[in-house]
N, C-alpha and C. Protein backbone atom coordinates (compact mmCIF):
# COMPACT_ATOMS: atom_id res chain seq x y z
N MET A 1 -120.16 -19.97 -133.87
CA MET A 1 -120.25 -18.61 -134.38
C MET A 1 -119.35 -18.49 -135.61
N ASP A 2 -119.74 -17.72 -136.56
CA ASP A 2 -119.03 -17.55 -137.82
C ASP A 2 -117.85 -16.60 -137.63
N GLY A 3 -116.76 -17.11 -137.11
CA GLY A 3 -115.56 -16.27 -136.91
C GLY A 3 -115.62 -15.51 -135.61
N ASP A 4 -114.54 -14.85 -135.28
CA ASP A 4 -114.46 -14.06 -134.05
C ASP A 4 -114.21 -12.61 -134.41
N MET A 5 -114.83 -11.72 -133.68
CA MET A 5 -114.55 -10.30 -133.84
C MET A 5 -113.23 -10.05 -133.12
N THR A 6 -112.47 -9.11 -133.62
CA THR A 6 -111.18 -8.83 -133.01
C THR A 6 -111.33 -8.12 -131.68
N THR A 7 -112.40 -7.38 -131.49
CA THR A 7 -112.64 -6.68 -130.24
C THR A 7 -114.07 -6.96 -129.78
N PRO A 8 -114.25 -7.51 -128.56
CA PRO A 8 -115.60 -7.81 -128.08
C PRO A 8 -116.47 -6.56 -128.04
N GLY A 9 -117.76 -6.74 -128.31
CA GLY A 9 -118.72 -5.65 -128.20
C GLY A 9 -118.86 -4.82 -129.47
N LEU A 10 -118.03 -5.06 -130.46
CA LEU A 10 -118.14 -4.28 -131.70
C LEU A 10 -119.25 -4.86 -132.57
N ILE A 11 -119.81 -4.02 -133.41
CA ILE A 11 -120.87 -4.43 -134.31
C ILE A 11 -120.27 -5.14 -135.52
N ARG A 12 -120.82 -6.27 -135.92
CA ARG A 12 -120.34 -7.04 -137.07
C ARG A 12 -120.76 -6.33 -138.35
N ASN A 13 -119.84 -6.25 -139.32
CA ASN A 13 -120.11 -5.74 -140.65
C ASN A 13 -120.50 -6.90 -141.54
N VAL A 14 -121.68 -6.83 -142.16
CA VAL A 14 -122.18 -7.93 -142.96
C VAL A 14 -122.67 -7.42 -144.31
N ALA A 15 -122.23 -8.09 -145.37
CA ALA A 15 -122.69 -7.81 -146.72
C ALA A 15 -123.34 -9.08 -147.26
N LEU A 16 -124.63 -9.01 -147.60
CA LEU A 16 -125.41 -10.18 -147.97
C LEU A 16 -125.86 -10.06 -149.43
N TYR A 17 -125.68 -11.14 -150.19
CA TYR A 17 -126.05 -11.14 -151.61
C TYR A 17 -126.74 -12.45 -151.96
N ILE A 18 -127.89 -12.33 -152.63
CA ILE A 18 -128.63 -13.52 -153.07
C ILE A 18 -128.75 -13.45 -154.59
N ASP A 19 -128.19 -14.45 -155.24
CA ASP A 19 -128.26 -14.63 -156.69
C ASP A 19 -129.51 -15.47 -156.96
N THR A 20 -130.66 -14.81 -157.14
CA THR A 20 -131.92 -15.56 -157.24
C THR A 20 -131.96 -16.57 -158.39
N PRO A 21 -131.43 -16.24 -159.59
CA PRO A 21 -131.47 -17.27 -160.64
C PRO A 21 -130.72 -18.54 -160.24
N ASN A 22 -129.63 -18.39 -159.50
CA ASN A 22 -128.86 -19.54 -159.05
C ASN A 22 -129.63 -20.35 -158.01
N ILE A 23 -130.32 -19.67 -157.12
CA ILE A 23 -131.05 -20.34 -156.05
C ILE A 23 -132.32 -21.01 -156.59
N GLN A 24 -132.88 -20.47 -157.67
CA GLN A 24 -134.12 -21.02 -158.21
C GLN A 24 -133.92 -22.31 -159.00
N ILE A 25 -132.68 -22.67 -159.29
CA ILE A 25 -132.40 -23.92 -159.99
C ILE A 25 -131.81 -24.90 -159.00
N ARG A 26 -132.53 -25.97 -158.76
CA ARG A 26 -132.13 -26.96 -157.77
C ARG A 26 -131.93 -28.31 -158.46
N GLY A 27 -130.80 -28.95 -158.21
CA GLY A 27 -130.53 -30.27 -158.77
C GLY A 27 -129.96 -30.22 -160.17
N ASP A 28 -129.60 -31.40 -160.68
CA ASP A 28 -129.03 -31.55 -162.02
C ASP A 28 -129.73 -32.67 -162.77
N GLY A 29 -129.57 -32.67 -164.08
CA GLY A 29 -130.10 -33.74 -164.92
C GLY A 29 -131.59 -33.93 -164.74
N GLU A 30 -132.00 -35.18 -164.54
CA GLU A 30 -133.42 -35.49 -164.37
C GLU A 30 -133.97 -34.93 -163.07
N LEU A 31 -133.11 -34.67 -162.11
CA LEU A 31 -133.55 -34.12 -160.82
C LEU A 31 -133.60 -32.60 -160.82
N ARG A 32 -133.21 -31.97 -161.91
CA ARG A 32 -133.19 -30.51 -162.01
C ARG A 32 -134.62 -29.97 -161.91
N ARG A 33 -134.78 -28.99 -161.05
CA ARG A 33 -136.09 -28.40 -160.81
C ARG A 33 -135.97 -26.90 -160.72
N TYR A 34 -136.89 -26.19 -161.34
CA TYR A 34 -136.90 -24.73 -161.28
C TYR A 34 -137.94 -24.29 -160.26
N LEU A 35 -137.52 -23.46 -159.33
CA LEU A 35 -138.43 -22.91 -158.32
C LEU A 35 -138.90 -21.53 -158.78
N ASP A 36 -140.20 -21.31 -158.82
CA ASP A 36 -140.73 -19.99 -159.13
C ASP A 36 -140.40 -19.04 -157.98
N HIS A 37 -140.43 -17.74 -158.27
CA HIS A 37 -140.15 -16.74 -157.23
C HIS A 37 -141.03 -16.93 -156.00
N ASP A 38 -142.30 -17.27 -156.22
CA ASP A 38 -143.21 -17.39 -155.07
C ASP A 38 -143.07 -18.72 -154.33
N GLN A 39 -142.23 -19.63 -154.82
CA GLN A 39 -141.97 -20.87 -154.10
C GLN A 39 -140.81 -20.73 -153.11
N VAL A 40 -140.17 -19.58 -153.14
CA VAL A 40 -139.04 -19.32 -152.25
C VAL A 40 -139.45 -18.22 -151.28
N ASP A 41 -139.32 -18.49 -150.00
CA ASP A 41 -139.56 -17.46 -148.98
C ASP A 41 -138.24 -16.71 -148.81
N TRP A 42 -138.08 -15.65 -149.61
CA TRP A 42 -136.82 -14.90 -149.64
C TRP A 42 -136.51 -14.28 -148.29
N ALA A 43 -137.53 -13.80 -147.59
CA ALA A 43 -137.31 -13.21 -146.26
C ALA A 43 -136.78 -14.26 -145.29
N GLU A 44 -137.30 -15.47 -145.37
CA GLU A 44 -136.83 -16.56 -144.50
C GLU A 44 -135.38 -16.91 -144.83
N LEU A 45 -135.04 -16.92 -146.12
CA LEU A 45 -133.66 -17.20 -146.51
C LEU A 45 -132.72 -16.12 -145.96
N VAL A 46 -133.10 -14.86 -146.08
CA VAL A 46 -132.29 -13.77 -145.52
C VAL A 46 -132.13 -13.97 -144.02
N SER A 47 -133.23 -14.28 -143.35
CA SER A 47 -133.19 -14.47 -141.90
C SER A 47 -132.28 -15.63 -141.51
N LEU A 48 -132.34 -16.73 -142.25
CA LEU A 48 -131.46 -17.88 -141.97
C LEU A 48 -130.00 -17.52 -142.19
N MET A 49 -129.73 -16.75 -143.25
CA MET A 49 -128.35 -16.36 -143.54
C MET A 49 -127.80 -15.45 -142.45
N VAL A 50 -128.55 -14.41 -142.08
CA VAL A 50 -128.10 -13.49 -141.04
C VAL A 50 -128.02 -14.23 -139.70
N GLY A 51 -128.98 -15.10 -139.44
CA GLY A 51 -128.99 -15.87 -138.20
C GLY A 51 -127.79 -16.80 -138.05
N SER A 52 -127.16 -17.17 -139.16
CA SER A 52 -125.99 -18.05 -139.09
C SER A 52 -124.81 -17.38 -138.39
N LEU A 53 -124.85 -16.06 -138.28
CA LEU A 53 -123.75 -15.33 -137.65
C LEU A 53 -123.77 -15.44 -136.13
N ASP A 54 -124.95 -15.67 -135.57
CA ASP A 54 -125.08 -15.77 -134.13
C ASP A 54 -124.56 -14.51 -133.43
N VAL A 55 -124.96 -13.35 -133.94
CA VAL A 55 -124.62 -12.08 -133.32
C VAL A 55 -125.89 -11.28 -133.10
N GLU A 56 -125.85 -10.41 -132.11
CA GLU A 56 -127.02 -9.60 -131.82
C GLU A 56 -127.06 -8.31 -132.63
N ARG A 57 -125.88 -7.76 -132.94
CA ARG A 57 -125.84 -6.47 -133.64
C ARG A 57 -124.95 -6.57 -134.87
N CYS A 58 -125.46 -6.05 -135.98
CA CYS A 58 -124.62 -6.01 -137.17
C CYS A 58 -125.05 -4.84 -138.06
N THR A 59 -124.10 -4.34 -138.82
CA THR A 59 -124.39 -3.38 -139.87
C THR A 59 -124.57 -4.21 -141.13
N LEU A 60 -125.77 -4.19 -141.69
CA LEU A 60 -126.12 -5.06 -142.81
C LEU A 60 -126.35 -4.25 -144.07
N VAL A 61 -125.72 -4.69 -145.15
CA VAL A 61 -125.94 -4.10 -146.48
C VAL A 61 -126.08 -5.26 -147.46
N GLY A 62 -126.56 -4.97 -148.66
CA GLY A 62 -126.59 -6.00 -149.68
C GLY A 62 -127.86 -6.00 -150.48
N GLY A 63 -128.11 -7.12 -151.16
CA GLY A 63 -129.27 -7.17 -152.02
C GLY A 63 -129.65 -8.56 -152.45
N LEU A 64 -130.86 -8.64 -152.96
CA LEU A 64 -131.43 -9.82 -153.56
C LEU A 64 -131.57 -9.48 -155.04
N TYR A 65 -130.89 -10.21 -155.91
CA TYR A 65 -130.75 -9.84 -157.32
C TYR A 65 -131.51 -10.81 -158.22
N MET A 66 -132.28 -10.25 -159.15
CA MET A 66 -133.05 -11.08 -160.07
C MET A 66 -133.07 -10.47 -161.46
N PHE A 67 -133.33 -11.34 -162.44
CA PHE A 67 -133.54 -10.83 -163.79
C PHE A 67 -134.87 -10.09 -163.80
N ARG A 68 -134.89 -9.00 -164.52
CA ARG A 68 -136.09 -8.16 -164.54
C ARG A 68 -136.51 -7.92 -165.98
N ASN A 69 -137.80 -7.97 -166.18
CA ASN A 69 -138.35 -7.46 -167.43
C ASN A 69 -139.23 -6.28 -167.04
N ASN A 70 -139.75 -5.60 -167.96
CA ASN A 70 -140.50 -4.38 -167.64
C ASN A 70 -142.00 -4.61 -167.51
N THR A 71 -142.39 -5.82 -167.18
CA THR A 71 -143.81 -6.07 -167.03
C THR A 71 -144.30 -5.57 -165.67
N THR A 72 -145.55 -5.25 -165.62
CA THR A 72 -146.16 -4.80 -164.36
C THR A 72 -146.10 -5.92 -163.32
N LEU A 73 -146.29 -7.16 -163.77
CA LEU A 73 -146.24 -8.31 -162.85
C LEU A 73 -144.88 -8.41 -162.18
N MET A 74 -143.80 -8.25 -162.93
CA MET A 74 -142.46 -8.35 -162.35
C MET A 74 -142.20 -7.19 -161.38
N ARG A 75 -142.60 -6.00 -161.73
CA ARG A 75 -142.41 -4.85 -160.81
C ARG A 75 -143.19 -5.08 -159.51
N ARG A 76 -144.41 -5.59 -159.63
CA ARG A 76 -145.22 -5.87 -158.44
C ARG A 76 -144.57 -6.98 -157.60
N HIS A 77 -144.04 -8.00 -158.29
CA HIS A 77 -143.38 -9.11 -157.60
C HIS A 77 -142.15 -8.60 -156.82
N MET A 78 -141.34 -7.75 -157.43
CA MET A 78 -140.17 -7.18 -156.75
C MET A 78 -140.61 -6.36 -155.55
N HIS A 79 -141.70 -5.59 -155.70
CA HIS A 79 -142.23 -4.79 -154.59
C HIS A 79 -142.70 -5.70 -153.45
N ASP A 80 -143.40 -6.79 -153.79
CA ASP A 80 -143.88 -7.73 -152.78
C ASP A 80 -142.73 -8.37 -152.01
N ILE A 81 -141.65 -8.72 -152.72
CA ILE A 81 -140.49 -9.30 -152.05
C ILE A 81 -139.88 -8.28 -151.09
N LYS A 82 -139.77 -7.03 -151.53
CA LYS A 82 -139.20 -5.97 -150.67
C LYS A 82 -140.03 -5.82 -149.39
N ILE A 83 -141.34 -5.79 -149.51
CA ILE A 83 -142.22 -5.68 -148.34
C ILE A 83 -142.05 -6.90 -147.43
N ALA A 84 -141.96 -8.08 -148.03
CA ALA A 84 -141.84 -9.33 -147.26
C ALA A 84 -140.54 -9.41 -146.47
N LEU A 85 -139.52 -8.64 -146.86
CA LEU A 85 -138.24 -8.70 -146.14
C LEU A 85 -138.36 -8.17 -144.71
N GLY A 86 -139.47 -7.52 -144.40
CA GLY A 86 -139.73 -7.10 -143.02
C GLY A 86 -138.62 -6.27 -142.42
N ARG A 87 -138.06 -6.76 -141.32
CA ARG A 87 -137.05 -5.99 -140.59
C ARG A 87 -135.76 -5.79 -141.39
N TYR A 88 -135.57 -6.56 -142.46
CA TYR A 88 -134.38 -6.42 -143.30
C TYR A 88 -134.63 -5.50 -144.50
N ARG A 89 -135.86 -4.98 -144.62
CA ARG A 89 -136.27 -4.18 -145.77
C ARG A 89 -135.40 -2.96 -146.00
N GLU A 90 -134.97 -2.30 -144.93
CA GLU A 90 -134.15 -1.09 -145.08
C GLU A 90 -132.72 -1.40 -145.52
N ALA A 91 -132.21 -2.55 -145.13
CA ALA A 91 -130.81 -2.89 -145.41
C ALA A 91 -130.61 -3.63 -146.73
N ILE A 92 -131.59 -4.41 -147.12
CA ILE A 92 -131.45 -5.28 -148.30
C ILE A 92 -132.28 -4.72 -149.45
N ASP A 93 -131.62 -4.42 -150.56
CA ASP A 93 -132.32 -3.96 -151.76
C ASP A 93 -132.79 -5.15 -152.58
N VAL A 94 -133.89 -4.97 -153.29
CA VAL A 94 -134.33 -5.94 -154.28
C VAL A 94 -133.96 -5.32 -155.63
N VAL A 95 -133.00 -5.94 -156.30
CA VAL A 95 -132.40 -5.35 -157.50
C VAL A 95 -132.77 -6.18 -158.72
N GLY A 96 -133.38 -5.52 -159.69
CA GLY A 96 -133.69 -6.17 -160.96
C GLY A 96 -132.69 -5.72 -162.00
N THR A 97 -132.19 -6.65 -162.77
CA THR A 97 -131.24 -6.32 -163.83
C THR A 97 -131.67 -7.00 -165.12
N LEU A 98 -131.49 -6.31 -166.22
CA LEU A 98 -131.84 -6.86 -167.53
C LEU A 98 -130.75 -7.76 -168.06
N LYS A 99 -129.57 -7.68 -167.49
CA LYS A 99 -128.41 -8.41 -168.01
C LYS A 99 -127.90 -9.42 -166.98
N ASP A 100 -126.62 -9.39 -166.73
CA ASP A 100 -125.91 -10.37 -165.92
C ASP A 100 -126.03 -10.09 -164.41
N VAL A 101 -126.69 -10.97 -163.70
CA VAL A 101 -126.86 -10.83 -162.25
C VAL A 101 -125.50 -10.89 -161.54
N ASP A 102 -124.64 -11.84 -161.94
CA ASP A 102 -123.34 -12.01 -161.28
C ASP A 102 -122.51 -10.73 -161.32
N SER A 103 -122.43 -10.09 -162.47
CA SER A 103 -121.64 -8.86 -162.60
C SER A 103 -122.19 -7.77 -161.70
N ARG A 104 -123.50 -7.64 -161.64
CA ARG A 104 -124.12 -6.61 -160.80
C ARG A 104 -123.81 -6.86 -159.33
N ILE A 105 -123.88 -8.12 -158.90
CA ILE A 105 -123.57 -8.44 -157.51
C ILE A 105 -122.11 -8.10 -157.20
N ILE A 106 -121.19 -8.46 -158.09
CA ILE A 106 -119.77 -8.20 -157.84
C ILE A 106 -119.50 -6.70 -157.75
N ILE A 107 -120.10 -5.92 -158.63
CA ILE A 107 -119.92 -4.46 -158.57
C ILE A 107 -120.43 -3.92 -157.24
N ASP A 108 -121.61 -4.35 -156.83
CA ASP A 108 -122.18 -3.88 -155.56
C ASP A 108 -121.38 -4.39 -154.37
N MET A 109 -120.86 -5.61 -154.46
CA MET A 109 -120.05 -6.17 -153.37
C MET A 109 -118.81 -5.30 -153.13
N TRP A 110 -118.12 -4.92 -154.19
CA TRP A 110 -116.96 -4.04 -154.06
C TRP A 110 -117.35 -2.73 -153.39
N GLY A 111 -118.40 -2.11 -153.90
CA GLY A 111 -118.84 -0.83 -153.34
C GLY A 111 -119.26 -0.94 -151.89
N ASP A 112 -119.98 -2.01 -151.55
CA ASP A 112 -120.45 -2.19 -150.17
C ASP A 112 -119.29 -2.44 -149.21
N VAL A 113 -118.34 -3.28 -149.60
CA VAL A 113 -117.18 -3.57 -148.73
C VAL A 113 -116.37 -2.29 -148.51
N ILE A 114 -116.14 -1.52 -149.55
CA ILE A 114 -115.40 -0.27 -149.39
C ILE A 114 -116.18 0.72 -148.53
N GLY A 115 -117.50 0.78 -148.72
CA GLY A 115 -118.33 1.66 -147.89
C GLY A 115 -118.29 1.26 -146.42
N LEU A 116 -118.39 -0.04 -146.14
CA LEU A 116 -118.30 -0.51 -144.75
C LEU A 116 -116.92 -0.21 -144.16
N LEU A 117 -115.87 -0.38 -144.97
CA LEU A 117 -114.51 -0.09 -144.53
C LEU A 117 -114.36 1.39 -144.17
N ARG A 118 -114.85 2.28 -145.01
CA ARG A 118 -114.76 3.73 -144.73
C ARG A 118 -115.48 4.09 -143.43
N ARG A 119 -116.70 3.58 -143.30
CA ARG A 119 -117.48 3.87 -142.09
C ARG A 119 -116.78 3.34 -140.85
N TRP A 120 -116.26 2.10 -140.97
CA TRP A 120 -115.56 1.48 -139.84
C TRP A 120 -114.35 2.32 -139.42
N ASN A 121 -113.55 2.73 -140.40
CA ASN A 121 -112.33 3.50 -140.10
C ASN A 121 -112.62 4.85 -139.47
N GLN A 122 -113.77 5.44 -139.75
CA GLN A 122 -114.17 6.68 -139.09
C GLN A 122 -114.51 6.44 -137.63
N GLU A 123 -115.16 5.32 -137.35
CA GLU A 123 -115.62 5.03 -135.99
C GLU A 123 -114.61 4.26 -135.15
N HIS A 124 -113.76 3.46 -135.78
CA HIS A 124 -112.80 2.60 -135.08
C HIS A 124 -111.45 2.64 -135.79
N PRO A 125 -110.78 3.77 -135.80
CA PRO A 125 -109.55 3.90 -136.60
C PRO A 125 -108.41 2.97 -136.18
N ASP A 126 -108.42 2.47 -134.96
CA ASP A 126 -107.32 1.64 -134.49
C ASP A 126 -107.61 0.14 -134.51
N VAL A 127 -108.76 -0.25 -135.08
CA VAL A 127 -109.15 -1.66 -135.10
C VAL A 127 -109.34 -2.10 -136.55
N LEU A 128 -108.72 -3.22 -136.93
CA LEU A 128 -108.86 -3.74 -138.28
C LEU A 128 -110.32 -4.06 -138.58
N CYS A 129 -110.79 -3.62 -139.71
CA CYS A 129 -112.16 -3.87 -140.15
C CYS A 129 -112.30 -5.33 -140.59
N GLU A 130 -113.41 -5.93 -140.24
CA GLU A 130 -113.76 -7.27 -140.71
C GLU A 130 -115.14 -7.21 -141.33
N VAL A 131 -115.28 -7.78 -142.52
CA VAL A 131 -116.57 -7.86 -143.19
C VAL A 131 -116.86 -9.32 -143.49
N THR A 132 -118.04 -9.77 -143.10
CA THR A 132 -118.47 -11.11 -143.43
C THR A 132 -119.41 -11.00 -144.62
N VAL A 133 -119.06 -11.65 -145.72
CA VAL A 133 -119.90 -11.69 -146.91
C VAL A 133 -120.73 -12.97 -146.84
N LEU A 134 -122.05 -12.80 -146.83
CA LEU A 134 -122.97 -13.93 -146.87
C LEU A 134 -123.48 -14.00 -148.30
N LEU A 135 -123.17 -15.10 -148.99
CA LEU A 135 -123.48 -15.23 -150.40
C LEU A 135 -124.35 -16.45 -150.66
N ALA A 136 -125.50 -16.25 -151.27
CA ALA A 136 -126.35 -17.37 -151.69
C ALA A 136 -126.17 -17.55 -153.19
N SER A 137 -125.27 -18.43 -153.55
CA SER A 137 -124.97 -18.76 -154.94
C SER A 137 -123.90 -19.84 -154.95
N GLY A 138 -123.76 -20.51 -156.08
CA GLY A 138 -122.70 -21.50 -156.20
C GLY A 138 -121.75 -21.20 -157.34
N ASP A 139 -121.87 -20.03 -157.94
CA ASP A 139 -121.09 -19.67 -159.12
C ASP A 139 -119.63 -19.37 -158.79
N HIS A 140 -118.73 -19.87 -159.64
CA HIS A 140 -117.28 -19.72 -159.44
C HIS A 140 -116.80 -18.28 -159.53
N ILE A 141 -117.51 -17.43 -160.25
CA ILE A 141 -117.05 -16.05 -160.47
C ILE A 141 -116.90 -15.29 -159.15
N TYR A 142 -117.67 -15.66 -158.15
CA TYR A 142 -117.59 -14.97 -156.86
C TYR A 142 -116.29 -15.30 -156.12
N ALA A 143 -115.75 -16.48 -156.34
CA ALA A 143 -114.46 -16.83 -155.73
C ALA A 143 -113.38 -15.91 -156.25
N ASP A 144 -113.36 -15.68 -157.56
CA ASP A 144 -112.38 -14.77 -158.16
C ASP A 144 -112.54 -13.36 -157.60
N ALA A 145 -113.78 -12.90 -157.49
CA ALA A 145 -114.03 -11.55 -156.99
C ALA A 145 -113.56 -11.38 -155.55
N VAL A 146 -113.87 -12.35 -154.69
CA VAL A 146 -113.47 -12.26 -153.28
C VAL A 146 -111.95 -12.34 -153.15
N ARG A 147 -111.32 -13.22 -153.92
CA ARG A 147 -109.85 -13.29 -153.88
C ARG A 147 -109.23 -11.95 -154.29
N LYS A 148 -109.76 -11.31 -155.34
CA LYS A 148 -109.24 -10.01 -155.78
C LYS A 148 -109.46 -8.94 -154.71
N MET A 149 -110.62 -8.95 -154.06
CA MET A 149 -110.88 -7.98 -152.99
C MET A 149 -109.92 -8.19 -151.84
N ARG A 150 -109.72 -9.42 -151.45
CA ARG A 150 -108.79 -9.72 -150.35
C ARG A 150 -107.38 -9.24 -150.69
N GLU A 151 -106.97 -9.48 -151.92
CA GLU A 151 -105.64 -9.07 -152.37
C GLU A 151 -105.52 -7.54 -152.40
N ALA A 152 -106.49 -6.86 -152.97
CA ALA A 152 -106.44 -5.40 -153.12
C ALA A 152 -106.57 -4.67 -151.79
N LEU A 153 -107.32 -5.24 -150.86
CA LEU A 153 -107.60 -4.57 -149.59
C LEU A 153 -106.84 -5.19 -148.42
N ASP A 154 -105.84 -6.00 -148.71
CA ASP A 154 -105.05 -6.66 -147.67
C ASP A 154 -104.46 -5.64 -146.70
N GLY A 155 -104.62 -5.90 -145.43
CA GLY A 155 -104.11 -5.00 -144.40
C GLY A 155 -105.12 -3.92 -144.01
N LEU A 156 -106.17 -3.74 -144.82
CA LEU A 156 -107.19 -2.74 -144.52
C LEU A 156 -108.47 -3.36 -143.98
N VAL A 157 -108.78 -4.55 -144.49
CA VAL A 157 -110.02 -5.22 -144.09
C VAL A 157 -109.81 -6.73 -144.21
N ARG A 158 -110.40 -7.45 -143.28
CA ARG A 158 -110.42 -8.92 -143.36
C ARG A 158 -111.78 -9.30 -143.91
N ILE A 159 -111.79 -10.00 -145.04
CA ILE A 159 -113.04 -10.40 -145.69
C ILE A 159 -113.24 -11.90 -145.50
N ARG A 160 -114.34 -12.23 -144.82
CA ARG A 160 -114.73 -13.62 -144.62
C ARG A 160 -115.87 -13.93 -145.57
N LEU A 161 -115.87 -15.13 -146.14
CA LEU A 161 -116.94 -15.52 -147.06
C LEU A 161 -117.66 -16.75 -146.52
N HIS A 162 -118.97 -16.61 -146.37
CA HIS A 162 -119.83 -17.72 -145.97
C HIS A 162 -120.81 -17.92 -147.13
N THR A 163 -120.69 -19.08 -147.79
CA THR A 163 -121.49 -19.37 -148.97
C THR A 163 -122.64 -20.31 -148.64
N PHE A 164 -123.78 -20.01 -149.22
CA PHE A 164 -124.99 -20.84 -149.10
C PHE A 164 -125.32 -21.33 -150.50
N ALA A 165 -125.34 -22.65 -150.73
CA ALA A 165 -125.59 -23.20 -152.06
C ALA A 165 -126.25 -24.56 -151.95
N TRP A 166 -126.90 -24.96 -153.06
CA TRP A 166 -127.49 -26.29 -153.12
C TRP A 166 -126.38 -27.34 -153.18
N GLU A 167 -126.64 -28.49 -152.61
CA GLU A 167 -125.67 -29.59 -152.67
C GLU A 167 -125.38 -29.92 -154.13
N GLY A 168 -124.11 -30.06 -154.46
CA GLY A 168 -123.70 -30.36 -155.81
C GLY A 168 -123.70 -29.18 -156.76
N LYS A 169 -124.07 -27.99 -156.28
CA LYS A 169 -124.16 -26.81 -157.14
C LYS A 169 -123.13 -25.74 -156.77
N ILE A 170 -122.17 -26.07 -155.92
CA ILE A 170 -121.14 -25.09 -155.57
C ILE A 170 -119.90 -25.38 -156.42
N ALA A 171 -119.46 -24.37 -157.14
CA ALA A 171 -118.35 -24.53 -158.07
C ALA A 171 -117.03 -24.76 -157.34
N PRO A 172 -116.15 -25.57 -157.94
CA PRO A 172 -114.81 -25.71 -157.37
C PRO A 172 -114.16 -24.33 -157.31
N GLY A 173 -113.50 -24.07 -156.25
CA GLY A 173 -112.88 -22.76 -156.05
C GLY A 173 -113.69 -21.91 -155.11
N LEU A 174 -115.02 -21.91 -155.27
CA LEU A 174 -115.85 -21.12 -154.36
C LEU A 174 -115.86 -21.77 -152.98
N ASP A 175 -115.95 -23.10 -152.94
CA ASP A 175 -115.91 -23.76 -151.63
C ASP A 175 -114.56 -23.58 -150.95
N GLU A 176 -113.49 -23.53 -151.73
CA GLU A 176 -112.15 -23.33 -151.16
C GLU A 176 -111.93 -21.90 -150.69
N THR A 177 -112.57 -20.95 -151.34
CA THR A 177 -112.43 -19.53 -150.97
C THR A 177 -113.28 -19.20 -149.75
N SER A 178 -114.29 -20.00 -149.50
CA SER A 178 -115.23 -19.75 -148.40
C SER A 178 -114.68 -20.29 -147.08
N GLU A 179 -114.83 -19.49 -146.03
CA GLU A 179 -114.49 -19.98 -144.68
C GLU A 179 -115.54 -20.97 -144.21
N GLU A 180 -116.76 -20.80 -144.71
CA GLU A 180 -117.84 -21.69 -144.31
C GLU A 180 -118.79 -21.87 -145.49
N VAL A 181 -119.32 -23.09 -145.64
CA VAL A 181 -120.32 -23.39 -146.67
C VAL A 181 -121.51 -24.03 -145.96
N THR A 182 -122.69 -23.52 -146.25
CA THR A 182 -123.92 -24.09 -145.72
C THR A 182 -124.75 -24.58 -146.90
N LEU A 183 -125.16 -25.83 -146.85
CA LEU A 183 -125.97 -26.39 -147.92
C LEU A 183 -127.43 -25.98 -147.73
N LEU A 184 -128.00 -25.42 -148.77
CA LEU A 184 -129.39 -24.97 -148.71
C LEU A 184 -130.35 -26.12 -148.53
N ASP A 185 -129.95 -27.31 -148.95
CA ASP A 185 -130.79 -28.50 -148.79
C ASP A 185 -131.13 -28.73 -147.31
N ASP A 186 -130.23 -28.28 -146.43
CA ASP A 186 -130.42 -28.44 -144.98
C ASP A 186 -131.29 -27.34 -144.39
N LEU A 187 -131.64 -26.32 -145.20
CA LEU A 187 -132.42 -25.19 -144.71
C LEU A 187 -133.78 -25.14 -145.39
N SER A 188 -134.43 -26.26 -145.53
CA SER A 188 -135.66 -26.37 -146.32
C SER A 188 -136.80 -25.46 -145.92
N PRO A 189 -136.87 -24.86 -144.72
CA PRO A 189 -138.02 -24.03 -144.40
C PRO A 189 -138.23 -22.85 -145.34
N PHE A 190 -137.23 -22.46 -146.11
CA PHE A 190 -137.41 -21.30 -146.98
C PHE A 190 -137.99 -21.67 -148.34
N VAL A 191 -138.19 -22.96 -148.62
CA VAL A 191 -138.80 -23.40 -149.88
C VAL A 191 -140.23 -23.82 -149.63
N ARG A 192 -141.15 -23.23 -150.42
CA ARG A 192 -142.58 -23.58 -150.33
C ARG A 192 -142.91 -24.51 -151.49
N LEU A 193 -143.27 -25.72 -151.20
CA LEU A 193 -143.59 -26.67 -152.28
C LEU A 193 -145.08 -26.76 -152.53
C-alpha cells in the first residue's frame, strides 16, 4: 500500500495530475517515439494510478493536461477523453492550455492541496491531513514545486508524491522527492499500439 493513513477508516486525499505531452514522448534518441492522443488509454492510466493506492475510498481531485489549439478536432478530442474517464469523470478535469502545461499543473496542484487541507480540517480538526499526489510526468520542475509545498505547509499537511514516468525519463531530483516511482513501461495496458 502507498503509505499508511494516520487513522484507520479515514478517506484518503488524492490529487492526480497527468502531463500528457510528457507521457506522449517515449524513449530517447533513435528509440524516441511520439504517441498520439488516441494511442493512449487515458482512462486506463488514471485507473492504474488510483489503483496503486490500494484503498477503497478516496477524495480525488486533479486533471489531465494537454496543449490545446482552437480546432474543432481538438475540442472534440478533449470531450471524448472526458467521457472515456468514466467513473473518474467528475473528479478529473481535462484541461487544455495554449502555453506551459507544467506551470498550469503546479498552479492547480497548489490550489487542490490547499482545498483538500481546508476540507479535511473542517471534518477532522484533530488529525493531520495527508495528501497523496499521483503524478504522471518525469519533469524536474515538479520536484521543486512539491518541496516548496512541503516546506510552506509543514505541520499542516503531509504531502506524499508517487511519480509515474517512462524508464530513463524521470529527472534527477524528482525521483528523490518521490516516496514511490512506478515505471510506465511496466504498465503497458494503457498504450494502444
